[in-house]
Amino acid sequence: MSSPTVSKLTGTVALVTGASSGIGAATARRLAEHGASVALVARREDRLDDLAAEIEKAGGTALAVGADITDPARAEAAVARTVEHFGRLDILVNNAGLMLLGPVVGADASDWERMIAVNVRGLLHITRAALPHLLDAAERGPRRVADIVNISSIAGRVAWSGYGVYNLTKFGVNGFTESLRQEVTRRHVRVGVLEPGGVDTELGSHNKPEIQGSMIDPFYETTEVLAPEDIADGVAYMITRPRHASVGELWIMPTDQV
């Protein structure tokens, strides 16, 4: 990680959910490199402390905020702590996610509840808590614009056997993003969705290979696996655009798959 330089994000504050690993951690590093102060939100506080120390050592500014955003009170508290510490909030990156594959008949229904809680409820709770501060930043902040980037998935556009409930959550994220964009775009809060293809993260690490491995294999046989840093570059691209240039939807796919 290189030392932060003065850029369009200098003086801004970003909150990144799911920041303890993968895309969230890579995105936090990238936004810090662009000059943003970053609130790192996730359940695994020990990892957040390590990442915050890494960012600070590189010359950036970070705050570790341990929180389970599926709990509305804790989501609100995470936003409140961020604003209390930094004095503002300009950017929200909704990255927290869970992928548990399985057939509609025979899958563990508790897995579905966990996915819905993280992928949908968590996003709704943290967005609702952050939005008043983002609207204020858009009106009085240094950039006169605020940003929400929701990390979805290509599974929000394309369905595969065994992905049913995961598809349900990601199609929902895409629809919610578009609806929210229409609500707040005239108030200079830009809302966009970023849809990666296959990414090498811990997202699917809870899957049971003996049950779900065969469901994901066909996807990985036909696409290149991306790195979290590739997605972080996409997030930074969406946020550092000029004030009146909004990216409503961005697909991140290998060039040979586009």
C-alpha atoms as a PDB file:
ATOM      1  CA  MET A   1       0.000   0.000   0.000  1.00  0.00           C
ATOM      2  CA  SER A   2       1.439   3.354  -1.044  1.00  0.00           C
ATOM      3  CA  SER A   3       1.238   6.501   1.056  1.00  0.00           C
ATOM      4  CA  PRO A   4      -1.900   8.595   0.559  1.00  0.00           C
ATOM      5  CA  THR A   5      -1.607  11.633  -1.704  1.00  0.00           C
ATOM      6  CA  VAL A   6      -3.882  14.616  -2.117  1.00  0.00           C
ATOM      7  CA  SER A   7      -6.761  13.556  -4.340  1.00  0.00           C
ATOM      8  CA  LYS A   8     -10.463  14.023  -4.835  1.00  0.00           C
ATOM      9  CA  LEU A   9     -11.121  11.990  -1.662  1.00  0.00           C
ATOM     10  CA  THR A  10      -8.861  13.992   0.648  1.00  0.00           C
ATOM     11  CA  GLY A  11     -10.968  15.282   3.529  1.00  0.00           C
ATOM     12  CA  THR A  12     -13.736  12.726   3.010  1.00  0.00           C
ATOM     13  CA  VAL A  13     -14.836   9.837   5.220  1.00  0.00           C
ATOM     14  CA  ALA A  14     -15.770   6.381   3.912  1.00  0.00           C
ATOM     15  CA  LEU A  15     -17.477   3.531   5.745  1.00  0.00           C
ATOM     16  CA  VAL A  16     -16.817   0.050   4.348  1.00  0.00           C
ATOM     17  CA  THR A  17     -18.775  -2.969   5.567  1.00  0.00           C
ATOM     18  CA  GLY A  18     -17.335  -6.476   5.471  1.00  0.00           C
ATOM     19  CA  ALA A  19     -13.934  -4.817   5.826  1.00  0.00           C
ATOM     20  CA  SER A  20     -12.212  -7.651   7.683  1.00  0.00           C
ATOM     21  CA  SER A  21     -11.151  -9.518   4.533  1.00  0.00           C
ATOM     22  CA  GLY A  22     -11.380  -9.843   0.762  1.00  0.00           C
ATOM     23  CA  ILE A  23     -13.030  -7.098  -1.250  1.00  0.00           C
ATOM     24  CA  GLY A  24     -13.830  -5.013   1.833  1.00  0.00           C
ATOM     25  CA  ALA A  25     -10.242  -4.926   3.063  1.00  0.00           C
ATOM     26  CA  ALA A  26      -8.896  -4.221  -0.433  1.00  0.00           C
ATOM     27  CA  THR A  27     -11.435  -1.421  -0.914  1.00  0.00           C
ATOM     28  CA  ALA A  28     -10.554   0.164   2.433  1.00  0.00           C
ATOM     29  CA  ARG A  29      -6.879   0.184   1.468  1.00  0.00           C
ATOM     30  CA  ARG A  30      -7.627   1.680  -1.931  1.00  0.00           C
ATOM     31  CA  LEU A  31      -9.851   4.475  -0.587  1.00  0.00           C
ATOM     32  CA  ALA A  32      -7.233   5.309   2.044  1.00  0.00           C
ATOM     33  CA  GLU A  33      -4.643   5.550  -0.734  1.00  0.00           C
ATOM     34  CA  HIS A  34      -6.924   8.094  -2.417  1.00  0.00           C
ATOM     35  CA  GLY A  35      -6.952  10.184   0.772  1.00  0.00           C
ATOM     36  CA  ALA A  36     -10.188   9.160   2.470  1.00  0.00           C
ATOM     37  CA  SER A  37     -10.406   8.425   6.184  1.00  0.00           C
ATOM     38  CA  VAL A  38     -11.918   4.959   6.435  1.00  0.00           C
ATOM     39  CA  ALA A  39     -14.224   3.368   9.013  1.00  0.00           C
ATOM     40  CA  LEU A  40     -13.743  -0.407   8.901  1.00  0.00           C
ATOM     41  CA  VAL A  41     -16.944  -2.234   9.855  1.00  0.00           C
ATOM     42  CA  ALA A  42     -17.223  -5.999  10.370  1.00  0.00           C
ATOM     43  CA  ARG A  43     -17.778  -8.587  13.078  1.00  0.00           C
ATOM     44  CA  ARG A  44     -14.168  -9.802  13.333  1.00  0.00           C
ATOM     45  CA  GLU A  45     -12.657  -6.980  15.358  1.00  0.00           C
ATOM     46  CA  ASP A  46      -9.169  -8.495  15.612  1.00  0.00           C
ATOM     47  CA  ARG A  47      -8.794  -8.394  11.835  1.00  0.00           C
ATOM     48  CA  LEU A  48     -10.104  -4.844  11.726  1.00  0.00           C
ATOM     49  CA  ASP A  49      -7.497  -3.730  14.248  1.00  0.00           C
ATOM     50  CA  ASP A  50      -4.737  -5.251  12.115  1.00  0.00           C
ATOM     51  CA  LEU A  51      -6.037  -3.577   8.952  1.00  0.00           C
ATOM     52  CA  ALA A  52      -6.432  -0.208  10.694  1.00  0.00           C
ATOM     53  CA  ALA A  53      -2.842  -0.451  11.924  1.00  0.00           C
ATOM     54  CA  GLU A  54      -1.669  -1.304   8.391  1.00  0.00           C
ATOM     55  CA  ILE A  55      -3.466   1.709   6.906  1.00  0.00           C
ATOM     56  CA  GLU A  56      -2.168   4.030   9.628  1.00  0.00           C
ATOM     57  CA  LYS A  57       1.391   2.757   9.135  1.00  0.00           C
ATOM     58  CA  ALA A  58       1.123   3.619   5.432  1.00  0.00           C
ATOM     59  CA  GLY A  59       0.117   7.177   6.324  1.00  0.00           C
ATOM     60  CA  GLY A  60      -3.643   6.828   6.077  1.00  0.00           C
ATOM     61  CA  THR A  61      -6.404   7.222   8.642  1.00  0.00           C
ATOM     62  CA  ALA A  62      -8.642   4.368   9.752  1.00  0.00           C
ATOM     63  CA  LEU A  63     -11.053   3.448  12.531  1.00  0.00           C
ATOM     64  CA  ALA A  64     -11.950  -0.135  13.447  1.00  0.00           C
ATOM     65  CA  VAL A  65     -15.656  -0.499  14.265  1.00  0.00           C
ATOM     66  CA  GLY A  66     -16.715  -3.986  15.303  1.00  0.00           C
ATOM     67  CA  ALA A  67     -20.391  -4.448  14.483  1.00  0.00           C
ATOM     68  CA  ASP A  68     -22.907  -6.996  13.236  1.00  0.00           C
ATOM     69  CA  ILE A  69     -24.903  -4.910  10.775  1.00  0.00           C
ATOM     70  CA  THR A  70     -27.708  -7.471  10.618  1.00  0.00           C
ATOM     71  CA  ASP A  71     -28.747  -5.937  13.969  1.00  0.00           C
ATOM     72  CA  PRO A  72     -30.310  -2.518  13.230  1.00  0.00           C
ATOM     73  CA  ALA A  73     -29.203  -1.052  16.561  1.00  0.00           C
ATOM     74  CA  ARG A  74     -25.597  -2.105  15.948  1.00  0.00           C
ATOM     75  CA  ALA A  75     -25.697  -0.790  12.395  1.00  0.00           C
ATOM     76  CA  GLU A  76     -26.884   2.567  13.691  1.00  0.00           C
ATOM     77  CA  ALA A  77     -24.208   2.522  16.387  1.00  0.00           C
ATOM     78  CA  ALA A  78     -21.490   1.835  13.787  1.00  0.00           C
ATOM     79  CA  VAL A  79     -22.557   4.847  11.752  1.00  0.00           C
ATOM     80  CA  ALA A  80     -22.870   7.006  14.883  1.00  0.00           C
ATOM     81  CA  ARG A  81     -19.375   6.061  16.030  1.00  0.00           C
ATOM     82  CA  THR A  82     -17.960   6.865  12.594  1.00  0.00           C
ATOM     83  CA  VAL A  83     -19.568  10.313  12.508  1.00  0.00           C
ATOM     84  CA  GLU A  84     -18.637  11.033  16.109  1.00  0.00           C
ATOM     85  CA  HIS A  85     -14.998  10.107  15.443  1.00  0.00           C
ATOM     86  CA  PHE A  86     -14.509  11.758  12.042  1.00  0.00           C
ATOM     87  CA  GLY A  87     -17.234  14.407  12.134  1.00  0.00           C
ATOM     88  CA  ARG A  88     -18.860  13.396   8.873  1.00  0.00           C
ATOM     89  CA  LEU A  89     -19.655  10.597   6.405  1.00  0.00           C
ATOM     90  CA  ASP A  90     -19.293  10.994   2.635  1.00  0.00           C
ATOM     91  CA  ILE A  91     -19.039   7.464   1.237  1.00  0.00           C
ATOM     92  CA  LEU A  92     -20.746   4.159   2.035  1.00  0.00           C
ATOM     93  CA  VAL A  93     -19.506   0.916   0.492  1.00  0.00           C
ATOM     94  CA  ASN A  94     -21.905  -1.959   1.225  1.00  0.00           C
ATOM     95  CA  ASN A  95     -19.665  -4.974   0.774  1.00  0.00           C
ATOM     96  CA  ALA A  96     -20.668  -7.406   3.554  1.00  0.00           C
ATOM     97  CA  GLY A  97     -21.953 -10.605   1.970  1.00  0.00           C
ATOM     98  CA  LEU A  98     -22.425 -14.334   2.356  1.00  0.00           C
ATOM     99  CA  MET A  99     -22.793 -17.051  -0.309  1.00  0.00           C
ATOM    100  CA  LEU A 100     -24.247 -20.414   0.713  1.00  0.00           C
ATOM    101  CA  LEU A 101     -25.281 -22.578  -2.214  1.00  0.00           C
ATOM    102  CA  GLY A 102     -27.766 -25.399  -2.231  1.00  0.00           C
ATOM    103  CA  PRO A 103     -30.862 -26.770  -3.987  1.00  0.00           C
ATOM    104  CA  VAL A 104     -34.288 -25.462  -3.088  1.00  0.00           C
ATOM    105  CA  VAL A 105     -35.228 -28.932  -1.899  1.00  0.00           C
ATOM    106  CA  GLY A 106     -32.721 -30.366   0.546  1.00  0.00           C
ATOM    107  CA  ALA A 107     -30.716 -27.266   1.495  1.00  0.00           C
ATOM    108  CA  ASP A 108     -30.496 -26.104   5.087  1.00  0.00           C
ATOM    109  CA  ALA A 109     -33.082 -23.338   5.445  1.00  0.00           C
ATOM    110  CA  SER A 110     -31.000 -21.734   8.197  1.00  0.00           C
ATOM    111  CA  ASP A 111     -28.370 -20.992   5.532  1.00  0.00           C
ATOM    112  CA  TRP A 112     -30.988 -19.046   3.616  1.00  0.00           C
ATOM    113  CA  GLU A 113     -31.820 -16.982   6.682  1.00  0.00           C
ATOM    114  CA  ARG A 114     -28.148 -16.184   7.239  1.00  0.00           C
ATOM    115  CA  MET A 115     -27.711 -15.055   3.635  1.00  0.00           C
ATOM    116  CA  ILE A 116     -30.830 -12.911   3.684  1.00  0.00           C
ATOM    117  CA  ALA A 117     -29.776 -11.376   6.997  1.00  0.00           C
ATOM    118  CA  VAL A 118     -26.325 -10.364   5.745  1.00  0.00           C
ATOM    119  CA  ASN A 119     -26.927  -9.663   2.050  1.00  0.00           C
ATOM    120  CA  VAL A 120     -30.245  -7.858   2.388  1.00  0.00           C
ATOM    121  CA  ARG A 121     -31.117  -6.833   5.936  1.00  0.00           C
ATOM    122  CA  GLY A 122     -27.607  -5.717   6.792  1.00  0.00           C
ATOM    123  CA  LEU A 123     -27.418  -3.561   3.673  1.00  0.00           C
ATOM    124  CA  LEU A 124     -30.794  -2.002   4.447  1.00  0.00           C
ATOM    125  CA  HIS A 125     -29.936  -1.275   8.094  1.00  0.00           C
ATOM    126  CA  ILE A 126     -26.572   0.368   7.434  1.00  0.00           C
ATOM    127  CA  THR A 127     -27.887   2.348   4.457  1.00  0.00           C
ATOM    128  CA  ARG A 128     -30.832   3.678   6.436  1.00  0.00           C
ATOM    129  CA  ALA A 129     -28.524   4.748   9.258  1.00  0.00           C
ATOM    130  CA  ALA A 130     -25.969   6.363   6.940  1.00  0.00           C
ATOM    131  CA  LEU A 131     -28.263   8.159   4.515  1.00  0.00           C
ATOM    132  CA  PRO A 132     -28.998  11.303   6.580  1.00  0.00           C
ATOM    133  CA  HIS A 133     -25.261  11.900   6.981  1.00  0.00           C
ATOM    134  CA  LEU A 134     -24.617  11.274   3.281  1.00  0.00           C
ATOM    135  CA  LEU A 135     -27.330  13.759   2.334  1.00  0.00           C
ATOM    136  CA  ASP A 136     -25.701  16.306   4.635  1.00  0.00           C
ATOM    137  CA  ALA A 137     -22.296  15.649   3.060  1.00  0.00           C
ATOM    138  CA  ALA A 138     -23.760  16.135  -0.408  1.00  0.00           C
ATOM    139  CA  GLU A 139     -25.110  19.508   0.648  1.00  0.00           C
ATOM    140  CA  ARG A 140     -22.192  20.821   2.716  1.00  0.00           C
ATOM    141  CA  GLY A 141     -19.225  18.524   2.159  1.00  0.00           C
ATOM    142  CA  PRO A 142     -15.936  19.317   0.397  1.00  0.00           C
ATOM    143  CA  ARG A 143     -16.996  17.540  -2.813  1.00  0.00           C
ATOM    144  CA  ARG A 144     -20.683  18.570  -2.685  1.00  0.00           C
ATOM    145  CA  VAL A 145     -21.536  14.974  -3.537  1.00  0.00           C
ATOM    146  CA  ALA A 146     -21.828  11.710  -1.602  1.00  0.00           C
ATOM    147  CA  ASP A 147     -21.565   8.116  -2.778  1.00  0.00           C
ATOM    148  CA  ILE A 148     -23.144   4.753  -2.051  1.00  0.00           C
ATOM    149  CA  VAL A 149     -21.633   1.731  -3.797  1.00  0.00           C
ATOM    150  CA  ASN A 150     -23.393  -1.593  -3.273  1.00  0.00           C
ATOM    151  CA  ILE A 151     -21.260  -4.636  -4.056  1.00  0.00           C
ATOM    152  CA  SER A 152     -23.598  -7.146  -5.685  1.00  0.00           C
ATOM    153  CA  SER A 153     -22.605  -9.998  -8.005  1.00  0.00           C
ATOM    154  CA  ILE A 154     -23.043 -11.238 -11.537  1.00  0.00           C
ATOM    155  CA  ALA A 155     -25.512 -13.531  -9.738  1.00  0.00           C
ATOM    156  CA  GLY A 156     -27.747 -10.469  -9.565  1.00  0.00           C
ATOM    157  CA  ARG A 157     -28.171 -10.771 -13.347  1.00  0.00           C
ATOM    158  CA  VAL A 158     -27.639 -14.441 -14.204  1.00  0.00           C
ATOM    159  CA  ALA A 159     -29.111 -17.469 -12.430  1.00  0.00           C
ATOM    160  CA  TRP A 160     -27.574 -20.925 -12.057  1.00  0.00           C
ATOM    161  CA  SER A 161     -28.916 -24.137 -10.568  1.00  0.00           C
ATOM    162  CA  GLY A 162     -28.254 -24.201  -6.832  1.00  0.00           C
ATOM    163  CA  TYR A 163     -27.797 -20.454  -6.531  1.00  0.00           C
ATOM    164  CA  GLY A 164     -31.514 -19.769  -5.979  1.00  0.00           C
ATOM    165  CA  VAL A 165     -31.501 -17.923  -2.644  1.00  0.00           C
ATOM    166  CA  TYR A 166     -28.145 -16.263  -3.348  1.00  0.00           C
ATOM    167  CA  ASN A 167     -29.634 -15.090  -6.668  1.00  0.00           C
ATOM    168  CA  LEU A 168     -32.667 -13.850  -4.740  1.00  0.00           C
ATOM    169  CA  THR A 169     -30.537 -11.674  -2.474  1.00  0.00           C
ATOM    170  CA  LYS A 170     -28.379 -10.255  -5.256  1.00  0.00           C
ATOM    171  CA  PHE A 171     -31.294  -9.539  -7.609  1.00  0.00           C
ATOM    172  CA  GLY A 172     -32.784  -7.738  -4.606  1.00  0.00           C
ATOM    173  CA  VAL A 173     -29.631  -5.683  -4.050  1.00  0.00           C
ATOM    174  CA  ASN A 174     -29.712  -4.586  -7.691  1.00  0.00           C
ATOM    175  CA  GLY A 175     -33.367  -3.564  -7.525  1.00  0.00           C
ATOM    176  CA  PHE A 176     -32.917  -1.729  -4.231  1.00  0.00           C
ATOM    177  CA  THR A 177     -29.926   0.151  -5.643  1.00  0.00           C
ATOM    178  CA  GLU A 178     -31.884   1.413  -8.637  1.00  0.00           C
ATOM    179  CA  SER A 179     -34.861   2.450  -6.510  1.00  0.00           C
ATOM    180  CA  LEU A 180     -32.651   4.321  -4.029  1.00  0.00           C
ATOM    181  CA  ARG A 181     -30.744   5.972  -6.869  1.00  0.00           C
ATOM    182  CA  GLN A 182     -33.972   7.465  -8.174  1.00  0.00           C
ATOM    183  CA  GLU A 183     -34.868   8.748  -4.691  1.00  0.00           C
ATOM    184  CA  VAL A 184     -31.655  10.631  -3.937  1.00  0.00           C
ATOM    185  CA  THR A 185     -29.807  11.373  -7.178  1.00  0.00           C
ATOM    186  CA  ARG A 186     -31.285  14.904  -7.421  1.00  0.00           C
ATOM    187  CA  ARG A 187     -29.840  15.557  -3.974  1.00  0.00           C
ATOM    188  CA  HIS A 188     -26.356  14.668  -5.225  1.00  0.00           C
ATOM    189  CA  VAL A 189     -26.053  11.302  -3.535  1.00  0.00           C
ATOM    190  CA  ARG A 190     -24.789   8.995  -6.254  1.00  0.00           C
ATOM    191  CA  VAL A 191     -25.903   5.378  -5.853  1.00  0.00           C
ATOM    192  CA  GLY A 192     -24.361   2.611  -7.901  1.00  0.00           C
ATOM    193  CA  VAL A 193     -24.060  -1.157  -7.962  1.00  0.00           C
ATOM    194  CA  LEU A 194     -20.866  -3.024  -8.785  1.00  0.00           C
ATOM    195  CA  GLU A 195     -21.314  -6.594 -10.020  1.00  0.00           C
ATOM    196  CA  PRO A 196     -18.178  -8.770  -9.989  1.00  0.00           C
ATOM    197  CA  GLY A 197     -17.771 -12.108 -11.674  1.00  0.00           C
ATOM    198  CA  GLY A 198     -15.863 -14.831  -9.807  1.00  0.00           C
ATOM    199  CA  VAL A 199     -13.573 -13.374  -7.130  1.00  0.00           C
ATOM    200  CA  ASP A 200     -11.055 -15.168  -4.922  1.00  0.00           C
ATOM    201  CA  THR A 201     -12.346 -14.279  -1.433  1.00  0.00           C
ATOM    202  CA  GLU A 202     -13.719 -15.977   1.674  1.00  0.00           C
ATOM    203  CA  LEU A 203     -17.289 -15.349   0.470  1.00  0.00           C
ATOM    204  CA  GLY A 204     -18.005 -18.983  -0.288  1.00  0.00           C
ATOM    205  CA  SER A 205     -15.738 -20.482   2.342  1.00  0.00           C
ATOM    206  CA  HIS A 206     -18.701 -21.748   4.395  1.00  0.00           C
ATOM    207  CA  ASN A 207     -19.986 -23.919   1.566  1.00  0.00           C
ATOM    208  CA  LYS A 208     -19.839 -27.691   2.019  1.00  0.00           C
ATOM    209  CA  PRO A 209     -17.781 -29.082  -0.896  1.00  0.00           C
ATOM    210  CA  GLU A 210     -19.517 -32.455  -0.801  1.00  0.00           C
ATOM    211  CA  ILE A 211     -22.900 -30.747  -1.313  1.00  0.00           C
ATOM    212  CA  GLN A 212     -22.296 -27.482  -3.121  1.00  0.00           C
ATOM    213  CA  GLY A 213     -18.917 -27.898  -4.791  1.00  0.00           C
ATOM    214  CA  SER A 214     -20.372 -29.309  -8.008  1.00  0.00           C
ATOM    215  CA  MET A 215     -22.732 -26.331  -8.268  1.00  0.00           C
ATOM    216  CA  ILE A 216     -19.979 -23.740  -8.377  1.00  0.00           C
ATOM    217  CA  ASP A 217     -17.470 -25.707 -10.472  1.00  0.00           C
ATOM    218  CA  PRO A 218     -19.130 -24.969 -13.850  1.00  0.00           C
ATOM    219  CA  PHE A 219     -18.860 -21.236 -13.212  1.00  0.00           C
ATOM    220  CA  TYR A 220     -15.163 -21.367 -12.386  1.00  0.00           C
ATOM    221  CA  GLU A 221     -14.532 -23.604 -15.400  1.00  0.00           C
ATOM    222  CA  THR A 222     -15.730 -20.839 -17.735  1.00  0.00           C
ATOM    223  CA  THR A 223     -14.327 -17.661 -16.167  1.00  0.00           C
ATOM    224  CA  GLU A 224     -11.093 -16.262 -14.828  1.00  0.00           C
ATOM    225  CA  VAL A 225     -11.044 -15.694 -11.078  1.00  0.00           C
ATOM    226  CA  LEU A 226     -10.507 -12.046 -10.175  1.00  0.00           C
ATOM    227  CA  ALA A 227      -8.613 -10.631  -7.188  1.00  0.00           C
ATOM    228  CA  PRO A 228     -10.209  -8.431  -4.486  1.00  0.00           C
ATOM    229  CA  GLU A 229      -7.950  -5.597  -5.652  1.00  0.00           C
ATOM    230  CA  ASP A 230      -9.628  -5.693  -9.075  1.00  0.00           C
ATOM    231  CA  ILE A 231     -12.966  -4.961  -7.441  1.00  0.00           C
ATOM    232  CA  ALA A 232     -11.439  -2.284  -5.198  1.00  0.00           C
ATOM    233  CA  ASP A 233     -10.188  -0.534  -8.331  1.00  0.00           C
ATOM    234  CA  GLY A 234     -13.756  -0.557  -9.652  1.00  0.00           C
ATOM    235  CA  VAL A 235     -15.116   0.965  -6.440  1.00  0.00           C
ATOM    236  CA  ALA A 236     -12.496   3.718  -6.524  1.00  0.00           C
ATOM    237  CA  TYR A 237     -13.321   4.394 -10.173  1.00  0.00           C
ATOM    238  CA  MET A 238     -17.004   4.883  -9.351  1.00  0.00           C
ATOM    239  CA  ILE A 239     -16.320   7.183  -6.399  1.00  0.00           C
ATOM    240  CA  THR A 240     -13.559   9.375  -7.839  1.00  0.00           C
ATOM    241  CA  ARG A 241     -15.510  10.320 -10.967  1.00  0.00           C
ATOM    242  CA  PRO A 242     -16.326  14.031 -11.463  1.00  0.00           C
ATOM    243  CA  ARG A 243     -19.254  15.312  -9.392  1.00  0.00           C
ATOM    244  CA  HIS A 244     -21.828  15.173 -12.183  1.00  0.00           C
ATOM    245  CA  ALA A 245     -20.657  11.825 -13.592  1.00  0.00           C
ATOM    246  CA  SER A 246     -22.418   8.898 -11.955  1.00  0.00           C
ATOM    247  CA  VAL A 247     -21.821   5.204 -12.634  1.00  0.00           C
ATOM    248  CA  GLY A 248     -25.148   3.509 -11.937  1.00  0.00           C
ATOM    249  CA  GLU A 249     -23.956  -0.016 -12.748  1.00  0.00           C
ATOM    250  CA  LEU A 250     -20.507  -1.474 -13.291  1.00  0.00           C
ATOM    251  CA  TRP A 251     -19.676  -5.042 -14.214  1.00  0.00           C
ATOM    252  CA  ILE A 252     -16.202  -6.310 -13.330  1.00  0.00           C
ATOM    253  CA  MET A 253     -15.431  -9.275 -15.552  1.00  0.00           C
ATOM    254  CA  PRO A 254     -12.249 -10.658 -17.132  1.00  0.00           C
ATOM    255  CA  THR A 255     -11.622  -9.095 -20.537  1.00  0.00           C
ATOM    256  CA  ASP A 256     -12.004 -12.408 -22.336  1.00  0.00           C
ATOM    257  CA  GLN A 257     -15.482 -12.797 -20.850  1.00  0.00           C
ATOM    258  CA  VAL A 258     -16.864  -9.365 -21.812  1.00  0.00           C
END
